[in-house]
Amino acid sequence: MKIAIGGDHAGFELKKFISGHLSESGHEILDVGALEYDGEDDYPDFARLLAEAVMEGKADKGILICGSGVGVCIAVNKHPGLRAGICHDTYSAAQGVEHDNMNVLCIGERVVGPALAREVVEAFLGADFAAEGRHQRRYEKVLGIEERYLGSSAD
């Protein structure tokens, strides 16, 4: 799977760790930055780069990391077709995909350590959207909201 990954200075170390793990697991990584530590960088810049990569089909899914996961989640959810969630546990990471077709995982480096982050990422990547029944109906309603306010949707 091709995974876009990005994060600001507050997610820099965990992003490096997760990127290494994903590469070792055979995934293709598209690192949208930060490529070097800069304590003055801004998370919306990396959220936009990751969003564009997923929207343009350069990556199947995305992972964003900042201090809490909140900032990158807010920023990336402003883009059509992106469905991001903050997940610091494996249940939410898998269910976010299975029930809500989440395609971007947001994690806070200041919230979880590397071992748990690795498990959360694996749960996110190992899940598939249950495109039927109530999950499909709810997903279509979310797409309708996106269409109404943004004028487009990626799906």
C-alpha atoms as a PDB file:
ATOM      1  CA  MET A   1       0.000   0.000   0.000  1.00  0.00           C
ATOM      2  CA  LYS A   2       1.207   3.529  -0.686  1.00  0.00           C
ATOM      3  CA  ILE A   3       1.005   5.659   2.452  1.00  0.00           C
ATOM      4  CA  ALA A   4       1.505   9.422   2.641  1.00  0.00           C
ATOM      5  CA  ILE A   5       2.913  10.539   5.970  1.00  0.00           C
ATOM      6  CA  GLY A   6       3.493  13.981   7.371  1.00  0.00           C
ATOM      7  CA  GLY A   7       3.953  15.891  10.553  1.00  0.00           C
ATOM      8  CA  ASP A   8       5.260  19.072  12.062  1.00  0.00           C
ATOM      9  CA  HIS A   9       8.055  19.533  14.599  1.00  0.00           C
ATOM     10  CA  ALA A  10       5.873  18.149  17.406  1.00  0.00           C
ATOM     11  CA  GLY A  11       5.356  14.910  15.467  1.00  0.00           C
ATOM     12  CA  PHE A  12       8.785  14.703  13.878  1.00  0.00           C
ATOM     13  CA  GLU A  13      10.302  11.830  15.873  1.00  0.00           C
ATOM     14  CA  LEU A  14       7.202   9.637  15.800  1.00  0.00           C
ATOM     15  CA  LYS A  15       6.829  10.246  12.060  1.00  0.00           C
ATOM     16  CA  LYS A  16      10.372   8.964  11.515  1.00  0.00           C
ATOM     17  CA  PHE A  17       9.634   5.892  13.643  1.00  0.00           C
ATOM     18  CA  ILE A  18       6.355   5.084  11.871  1.00  0.00           C
ATOM     19  CA  SER A  19       7.890   5.680   8.432  1.00  0.00           C
ATOM     20  CA  GLY A  20      10.645   3.202   9.226  1.00  0.00           C
ATOM     21  CA  HIS A  21       8.190   0.615  10.478  1.00  0.00           C
ATOM     22  CA  LEU A  22       5.981   0.968   7.410  1.00  0.00           C
ATOM     23  CA  SER A  23       8.947   0.709   5.044  1.00  0.00           C
ATOM     24  CA  GLU A  24      10.143  -2.440   6.807  1.00  0.00           C
ATOM     25  CA  SER A  25       6.602  -3.835   6.465  1.00  0.00           C
ATOM     26  CA  GLY A  26       6.741  -3.405   2.688  1.00  0.00           C
ATOM     27  CA  HIS A  27       4.637  -0.273   2.295  1.00  0.00           C
ATOM     28  CA  GLU A  28       5.636   2.471  -0.103  1.00  0.00           C
ATOM     29  CA  ILE A  29       6.046   5.741   1.806  1.00  0.00           C
ATOM     30  CA  LEU A  30       5.444   9.229   0.470  1.00  0.00           C
ATOM     31  CA  ASP A  31       6.922  11.554   3.091  1.00  0.00           C
ATOM     32  CA  VAL A  32       5.441  15.036   2.680  1.00  0.00           C
ATOM     33  CA  GLY A  33       7.552  16.462   5.514  1.00  0.00           C
ATOM     34  CA  ALA A  34       8.791  17.792   7.730  1.00  0.00           C
ATOM     35  CA  LEU A  35      11.994  16.395   6.340  1.00  0.00           C
ATOM     36  CA  GLU A  36      14.120  18.075   8.991  1.00  0.00           C
ATOM     37  CA  TYR A  37      13.321  19.377  12.440  1.00  0.00           C
ATOM     38  CA  ASP A  38      12.170  23.003  12.474  1.00  0.00           C
ATOM     39  CA  GLY A  39      10.602  24.165  15.718  1.00  0.00           C
ATOM     40  CA  GLU A  40       8.889  27.017  13.862  1.00  0.00           C
ATOM     41  CA  ASP A  41       7.084  24.974  11.176  1.00  0.00           C
ATOM     42  CA  ASP A  42       3.292  24.897  10.934  1.00  0.00           C
ATOM     43  CA  TYR A  43       1.103  21.777  10.879  1.00  0.00           C
ATOM     44  CA  PRO A  44      -1.409  23.104   8.282  1.00  0.00           C
ATOM     45  CA  ASP A  45       1.345  23.085   5.659  1.00  0.00           C
ATOM     46  CA  PHE A  46       1.934  19.356   6.071  1.00  0.00           C
ATOM     47  CA  ALA A  47      -1.782  18.589   6.320  1.00  0.00           C
ATOM     48  CA  ARG A  48      -2.308  20.335   2.964  1.00  0.00           C
ATOM     49  CA  LEU A  49       0.555  18.455   1.303  1.00  0.00           C
ATOM     50  CA  LEU A  50      -0.736  15.130   2.577  1.00  0.00           C
ATOM     51  CA  ALA A  51      -4.314  15.957   1.600  1.00  0.00           C
ATOM     52  CA  GLU A  52      -3.243  16.821  -1.927  1.00  0.00           C
ATOM     53  CA  ALA A  53      -1.299  13.554  -2.224  1.00  0.00           C
ATOM     54  CA  VAL A  54      -4.339  11.489  -1.200  1.00  0.00           C
ATOM     55  CA  MET A  55      -6.780  13.577  -3.268  1.00  0.00           C
ATOM     56  CA  GLU A  56      -4.586  13.206  -6.368  1.00  0.00           C
ATOM     57  CA  GLY A  57      -4.245   9.440  -5.896  1.00  0.00           C
ATOM     58  CA  LYS A  58      -0.530   9.571  -5.128  1.00  0.00           C
ATOM     59  CA  ALA A  59      -1.264   7.682  -1.896  1.00  0.00           C
ATOM     60  CA  ASP A  60      -3.960   5.251  -0.793  1.00  0.00           C
ATOM     61  CA  LYS A  61      -4.144   6.523   2.782  1.00  0.00           C
ATOM     62  CA  GLY A  62      -2.476   9.114   4.961  1.00  0.00           C
ATOM     63  CA  ILE A  63      -1.000   9.405   8.434  1.00  0.00           C
ATOM     64  CA  LEU A  64      -0.491  12.799  10.082  1.00  0.00           C
ATOM     65  CA  ILE A  65       1.317  13.436  13.344  1.00  0.00           C
ATOM     66  CA  CYS A  66       1.546  16.547  15.479  1.00  0.00           C
ATOM     67  CA  GLY A  67       1.731  17.068  19.225  1.00  0.00           C
ATOM     68  CA  SER A  68      -1.872  16.098  20.008  1.00  0.00           C
ATOM     69  CA  GLY A  69      -3.247  15.028  16.624  1.00  0.00           C
ATOM     70  CA  VAL A  70      -5.921  17.723  16.873  1.00  0.00           C
ATOM     71  CA  GLY A  71      -4.409  20.423  14.681  1.00  0.00           C
ATOM     72  CA  VAL A  72      -3.566  18.164  11.754  1.00  0.00           C
ATOM     73  CA  CYS A  73      -6.990  16.518  11.978  1.00  0.00           C
ATOM     74  CA  ILE A  74      -8.795  19.842  11.783  1.00  0.00           C
ATOM     75  CA  ALA A  75      -6.653  21.039   8.876  1.00  0.00           C
ATOM     76  CA  VAL A  76      -6.842  17.880   6.774  1.00  0.00           C
ATOM     77  CA  ASN A  77     -10.618  17.561   7.202  1.00  0.00           C
ATOM     78  CA  LYS A  78     -11.024  20.878   5.365  1.00  0.00           C
ATOM     79  CA  HIS A  79     -10.128  19.080   2.108  1.00  0.00           C
ATOM     80  CA  PRO A  80     -12.776  17.365  -0.048  1.00  0.00           C
ATOM     81  CA  GLY A  81     -12.681  13.584   0.126  1.00  0.00           C
ATOM     82  CA  LEU A  82     -10.550  13.431   3.249  1.00  0.00           C
ATOM     83  CA  ARG A  83     -11.972  11.736   6.313  1.00  0.00           C
ATOM     84  CA  ALA A  84      -9.527  11.995   9.179  1.00  0.00           C
ATOM     85  CA  GLY A  85      -9.823  10.908  12.762  1.00  0.00           C
ATOM     86  CA  ILE A  86      -7.635  11.214  15.826  1.00  0.00           C
ATOM     87  CA  CYS A  87      -6.967   7.720  17.105  1.00  0.00           C
ATOM     88  CA  HIS A  88      -4.835   6.795  20.066  1.00  0.00           C
ATOM     89  CA  ASP A  89      -6.216   3.267  20.400  1.00  0.00           C
ATOM     90  CA  THR A  90      -6.556   0.328  18.042  1.00  0.00           C
ATOM     91  CA  TYR A  91     -10.334   0.033  18.325  1.00  0.00           C
ATOM     92  CA  SER A  92     -10.979   3.565  17.054  1.00  0.00           C
ATOM     93  CA  ALA A  93      -8.382   3.209  14.305  1.00  0.00           C
ATOM     94  CA  ALA A  94     -10.014   0.074  12.905  1.00  0.00           C
ATOM     95  CA  GLN A  95     -13.613   1.173  13.450  1.00  0.00           C
ATOM     96  CA  GLY A  96     -12.916   4.557  11.872  1.00  0.00           C
ATOM     97  CA  VAL A  97     -12.128   2.743   8.642  1.00  0.00           C
ATOM     98  CA  GLU A  98     -14.740  -0.020   8.944  1.00  0.00           C
ATOM     99  CA  HIS A  99     -17.687   2.227   9.825  1.00  0.00           C
ATOM    100  CA  ASP A 100     -16.717   5.686   8.541  1.00  0.00           C
ATOM    101  CA  ASN A 101     -14.329   5.022   5.637  1.00  0.00           C
ATOM    102  CA  MET A 102     -11.602   7.055   7.364  1.00  0.00           C
ATOM    103  CA  ASN A 103      -8.660   7.540   5.022  1.00  0.00           C
ATOM    104  CA  VAL A 104      -6.339   9.651   7.183  1.00  0.00           C
ATOM    105  CA  LEU A 105      -5.122   8.684  10.644  1.00  0.00           C
ATOM    106  CA  CYS A 106      -4.050  11.474  12.997  1.00  0.00           C
ATOM    107  CA  ILE A 107      -1.856  10.758  16.001  1.00  0.00           C
ATOM    108  CA  GLY A 108      -0.373  12.902  18.763  1.00  0.00           C
ATOM    109  CA  GLU A 109       3.289  12.243  19.528  1.00  0.00           C
ATOM    110  CA  ARG A 110       2.821  13.827  22.937  1.00  0.00           C
ATOM    111  CA  VAL A 111      -0.076  11.448  23.642  1.00  0.00           C
ATOM    112  CA  VAL A 112       1.158   7.990  22.620  1.00  0.00           C
ATOM    113  CA  GLY A 113       4.511   6.279  22.519  1.00  0.00           C
ATOM    114  CA  PRO A 114       6.054   4.461  19.576  1.00  0.00           C
ATOM    115  CA  ALA A 115       4.858   0.952  20.464  1.00  0.00           C
ATOM    116  CA  LEU A 116       1.203   1.942  20.773  1.00  0.00           C
ATOM    117  CA  ALA A 117       1.435   4.193  17.713  1.00  0.00           C
ATOM    118  CA  ARG A 118       2.709   1.243  15.678  1.00  0.00           C
ATOM    119  CA  GLU A 119      -0.274  -0.876  16.803  1.00  0.00           C
ATOM    120  CA  VAL A 120      -2.717   1.942  16.006  1.00  0.00           C
ATOM    121  CA  VAL A 121      -1.217   2.339  12.526  1.00  0.00           C
ATOM    122  CA  GLU A 122      -1.473  -1.418  11.903  1.00  0.00           C
ATOM    123  CA  ALA A 123      -5.131  -1.411  12.976  1.00  0.00           C
ATOM    124  CA  PHE A 124      -5.837   1.521  10.630  1.00  0.00           C
ATOM    125  CA  LEU A 125      -4.089  -0.046   7.655  1.00  0.00           C
ATOM    126  CA  GLY A 126      -5.519  -3.515   8.283  1.00  0.00           C
ATOM    127  CA  ALA A 127      -9.158  -2.420   8.273  1.00  0.00           C
ATOM    128  CA  ASP A 128     -11.555  -2.216   5.318  1.00  0.00           C
ATOM    129  CA  PHE A 129     -14.699  -0.133   4.943  1.00  0.00           C
ATOM    130  CA  ALA A 130     -17.882  -2.161   5.472  1.00  0.00           C
ATOM    131  CA  ALA A 131     -19.648  -0.583   2.484  1.00  0.00           C
ATOM    132  CA  GLU A 132     -23.110  -1.908   3.250  1.00  0.00           C
ATOM    133  CA  GLY A 133     -26.205  -1.228   5.289  1.00  0.00           C
ATOM    134  CA  ARG A 134     -26.060   1.502   7.870  1.00  0.00           C
ATOM    135  CA  HIS A 135     -22.370   2.213   7.285  1.00  0.00           C
ATOM    136  CA  GLN A 136     -22.902   2.910   3.580  1.00  0.00           C
ATOM    137  CA  ARG A 137     -26.034   4.952   4.301  1.00  0.00           C
ATOM    138  CA  ARG A 138     -24.205   7.099   6.849  1.00  0.00           C
ATOM    139  CA  TYR A 139     -21.169   7.469   4.609  1.00  0.00           C
ATOM    140  CA  GLU A 140     -23.398   8.721   1.786  1.00  0.00           C
ATOM    141  CA  LYS A 141     -24.921  11.264   4.160  1.00  0.00           C
ATOM    142  CA  VAL A 142     -21.444  12.526   5.054  1.00  0.00           C
ATOM    143  CA  LEU A 143     -20.651  12.852   1.343  1.00  0.00           C
ATOM    144  CA  GLY A 144     -23.893  14.802   0.939  1.00  0.00           C
ATOM    145  CA  ILE A 145     -22.808  17.258   3.624  1.00  0.00           C
ATOM    146  CA  GLU A 146     -19.464  17.679   1.896  1.00  0.00           C
ATOM    147  CA  GLU A 147     -21.168  18.278  -1.447  1.00  0.00           C
ATOM    148  CA  ARG A 148     -23.532  20.834   0.055  1.00  0.00           C
ATOM    149  CA  TYR A 149     -20.866  22.949   1.741  1.00  0.00           C
ATOM    150  CA  LEU A 150     -17.756  22.339  -0.329  1.00  0.00           C
ATOM    151  CA  GLY A 151     -19.407  21.856  -3.693  1.00  0.00           C
ATOM    152  CA  SER A 152     -17.514  18.660  -4.409  1.00  0.00           C
ATOM    153  CA  SER A 153     -16.580  15.328  -2.990  1.00  0.00           C
ATOM    154  CA  ALA A 154     -13.800  12.956  -3.972  1.00  0.00           C
ATOM    155  CA  ASP A 155     -16.000   9.831  -3.897  1.00  0.00           C
END
